[in-house]
Amino acid sequence: MVEDVTDDGELAWAVIELAWDRLDLSRRPEQVLAQLDGFPEPIADLVCLVWCQKEIRNGGFVQLFRNSTGVLALRGIRGFERIGGQRYADLVRQAILALGDPHPISRKERANALKMLPAADRRELFDRLEREFYGLLRDPDHELEGLRGGYVRSHLAVFTRP
């Protein structure tokens, strides 16, 4: 049972896993967003947060936006805010705004928006945002596993309903 898990990382994953394998990122962006709407909002937001941080950790904001997971970026912001990771949310928001408003949901639109940014400006902005993001990841006060696990633990009733 979820409430019996003592490790924050395992606890958060026990909740995220409920939707992780059911989210089909190979579908059209509108379909992916509709799938998210079928999950309880806190779980959907946590899944989006995890995808965002995985992509940023692996290849930065450019990778997040070039991959199909870029459709999850706005919900990722909500996920970061939900767990108390406002500084993470602000960094993702700044990167998204560089692509234009509203945020392009299709991969092609995001790729075109990235091409429209002068390469030097894009590099300068994303490098700065990524340095700050990675710095937060190393800061014990902003450690994501603890924030996610703490959120889940303090809202167990939301996650343990039948």
Protein backbone atom coordinates (compact mmCIF):
# COMPACT_ATOMS: atom_id res chain seq x y z
CA MET A 1 0.00 0.00 0.00
CA VAL A 2 1.20 3.50 -0.83
CA GLU A 3 0.90 4.76 2.74
CA ASP A 4 3.31 2.04 3.96
CA VAL A 5 6.22 3.22 1.77
CA THR A 6 8.83 5.07 3.83
CA ASP A 7 11.27 6.29 1.13
CA ASP A 8 10.18 9.60 -0.48
CA GLY A 9 11.40 8.61 -3.94
CA GLU A 10 9.63 5.26 -3.81
CA LEU A 11 6.48 6.86 -2.45
CA ALA A 12 6.31 9.44 -5.25
CA TRP A 13 7.03 6.78 -7.86
CA ALA A 14 4.29 4.51 -6.46
CA VAL A 15 1.81 7.29 -7.27
CA ILE A 16 3.34 8.38 -10.58
CA GLU A 17 3.50 4.79 -11.80
CA LEU A 18 -0.32 4.66 -11.74
CA ALA A 19 -0.34 6.77 -14.91
CA TRP A 20 3.21 6.50 -16.29
CA ASP A 21 2.76 3.46 -18.51
CA ARG A 22 -0.73 4.45 -19.60
CA LEU A 23 0.36 7.79 -21.09
CA ASP A 24 0.97 7.27 -24.81
CA LEU A 25 3.34 10.01 -25.98
CA SER A 26 3.32 8.66 -29.55
CA ARG A 27 -0.17 10.06 -30.07
CA ARG A 28 -1.04 13.52 -31.40
CA PRO A 29 -0.51 16.30 -28.84
CA GLU A 30 -4.25 16.89 -28.43
CA GLN A 31 -4.73 13.19 -27.67
CA VAL A 32 -1.89 13.19 -25.13
CA LEU A 33 -3.45 16.16 -23.36
CA ALA A 34 -6.84 14.43 -23.41
CA GLN A 35 -5.23 11.35 -21.85
CA LEU A 36 -3.82 13.53 -19.08
CA ASP A 37 -7.28 14.89 -18.40
CA GLY A 38 -8.38 11.32 -17.72
CA PHE A 39 -5.99 10.99 -14.75
CA PRO A 40 -6.54 12.59 -11.37
CA GLU A 41 -5.04 16.08 -11.69
CA PRO A 42 -2.34 15.67 -9.02
CA ILE A 43 -1.10 12.46 -10.64
CA ALA A 44 -1.12 13.99 -14.13
CA ASP A 45 0.84 17.00 -12.88
CA LEU A 46 3.42 14.76 -11.19
CA VAL A 47 3.86 12.68 -14.36
CA CYS A 48 4.43 15.86 -16.39
CA LEU A 49 6.90 17.18 -13.82
CA VAL A 50 8.88 13.93 -14.01
CA TRP A 51 9.00 13.97 -17.81
CA CYS A 52 10.15 17.60 -17.80
CA GLN A 53 12.95 17.05 -15.30
CA LYS A 54 14.07 13.84 -17.05
CA GLU A 55 14.34 15.59 -20.41
CA ILE A 56 16.07 18.66 -18.97
CA ARG A 57 18.53 16.48 -17.06
CA ASN A 58 19.26 14.41 -20.14
CA GLY A 59 19.56 17.06 -22.84
CA GLY A 60 18.40 20.41 -21.55
CA PHE A 61 15.44 22.51 -22.60
CA VAL A 62 16.12 21.98 -26.29
CA GLN A 63 15.64 18.23 -25.81
CA LEU A 64 12.45 18.80 -23.86
CA PHE A 65 11.01 20.98 -26.60
CA ARG A 66 12.21 18.86 -29.55
CA ASN A 67 10.78 15.63 -28.14
CA SER A 68 7.14 14.63 -27.94
CA THR A 69 7.33 15.24 -24.19
CA GLY A 70 7.43 19.00 -24.85
CA VAL A 71 3.64 18.90 -24.92
CA LEU A 72 3.80 18.22 -21.17
CA ALA A 73 5.84 21.32 -20.29
CA LEU A 74 2.96 23.54 -19.17
CA ARG A 75 1.54 20.80 -16.95
CA GLY A 76 5.08 20.21 -15.70
CA ILE A 77 5.06 23.77 -14.38
CA ARG A 78 1.87 22.99 -12.47
CA GLY A 79 3.53 19.87 -11.11
CA PHE A 80 6.55 21.79 -9.86
CA GLU A 81 4.28 24.37 -8.25
CA ARG A 82 2.11 21.65 -6.73
CA ILE A 83 5.07 20.10 -4.86
CA GLY A 84 6.52 23.43 -3.71
CA GLY A 85 9.16 23.67 -6.45
CA GLN A 86 8.35 27.24 -7.49
CA ARG A 87 11.93 27.97 -8.57
CA TYR A 88 11.86 24.97 -10.93
CA ALA A 89 8.51 26.13 -12.27
CA ASP A 90 9.86 29.63 -12.90
CA LEU A 91 12.81 28.27 -14.90
CA VAL A 92 10.61 26.05 -17.06
CA ARG A 93 8.19 28.96 -17.56
CA GLN A 94 11.02 31.23 -18.76
CA ALA A 95 12.16 28.60 -21.26
CA ILE A 96 8.62 28.09 -22.53
CA LEU A 97 8.09 31.82 -22.99
CA ALA A 98 11.12 31.91 -25.28
CA LEU A 99 9.12 29.79 -27.73
CA GLY A 100 6.21 32.22 -27.79
CA ASP A 101 2.80 32.57 -26.28
CA PRO A 102 0.76 30.43 -26.45
CA HIS A 103 3.17 27.53 -25.99
CA PRO A 104 3.28 25.48 -29.21
CA ILE A 105 1.93 22.03 -28.45
CA SER A 106 3.09 20.16 -31.54
CA ARG A 107 6.66 19.00 -31.98
CA LYS A 108 6.86 20.67 -35.36
CA GLU A 109 5.65 24.01 -33.99
CA ARG A 110 8.15 23.83 -31.12
CA ALA A 111 10.98 22.95 -33.53
CA ASN A 112 10.04 25.92 -35.71
CA ALA A 113 9.90 28.21 -32.68
CA LEU A 114 13.38 27.02 -31.66
CA LYS A 115 14.67 27.76 -35.18
CA MET A 116 13.25 31.28 -35.01
CA LEU A 117 15.36 32.07 -31.95
CA PRO A 118 18.82 33.32 -32.89
CA ALA A 119 21.21 30.48 -31.97
CA ALA A 120 23.38 32.65 -29.72
CA ASP A 121 20.36 34.01 -27.82
CA ARG A 122 18.87 30.52 -27.44
CA ARG A 123 22.16 29.11 -26.19
CA GLU A 124 22.69 31.97 -23.75
CA LEU A 125 19.15 31.76 -22.34
CA PHE A 126 18.91 27.97 -22.13
CA ASP A 127 22.45 27.58 -20.78
CA ARG A 128 21.64 30.01 -17.96
CA LEU A 129 18.31 28.35 -17.18
CA GLU A 130 19.86 24.88 -17.26
CA ARG A 131 22.70 25.93 -14.93
CA GLU A 132 20.12 27.24 -12.47
CA PHE A 133 17.97 24.12 -12.85
CA TYR A 134 20.94 21.78 -12.27
CA GLY A 135 22.01 23.92 -9.32
CA LEU A 136 18.58 23.45 -7.74
CA LEU A 137 18.85 19.70 -8.26
CA ARG A 138 22.04 19.70 -6.18
CA ASP A 139 20.58 21.92 -3.45
CA PRO A 140 19.30 19.77 -0.53
CA ASP A 141 16.54 22.32 0.13
CA HIS A 142 15.15 21.84 -3.40
CA GLU A 143 15.79 18.13 -3.91
CA LEU A 144 13.02 16.80 -6.17
CA GLU A 145 12.60 13.36 -4.60
CA GLY A 146 12.02 14.96 -1.22
CA LEU A 147 9.63 17.58 -2.60
CA ARG A 148 7.61 15.00 -4.54
CA GLY A 149 7.56 12.50 -1.69
CA GLY A 150 6.70 15.20 0.84
CA TYR A 151 3.81 16.37 -1.32
CA VAL A 152 2.44 12.85 -1.75
CA ARG A 153 2.88 12.07 1.94
CA SER A 154 1.04 15.24 2.99
CA HIS A 155 -1.81 14.51 0.55
CA LEU A 156 -2.12 10.75 1.00
CA ALA A 157 -5.91 10.91 1.05
CA VAL A 158 -5.85 12.16 -2.56
CA PHE A 159 -3.67 9.25 -3.66
CA THR A 160 -5.16 6.40 -1.65
CA ARG A 161 -8.80 6.82 -2.60
CA PRO A 162 -10.20 3.71 -4.31
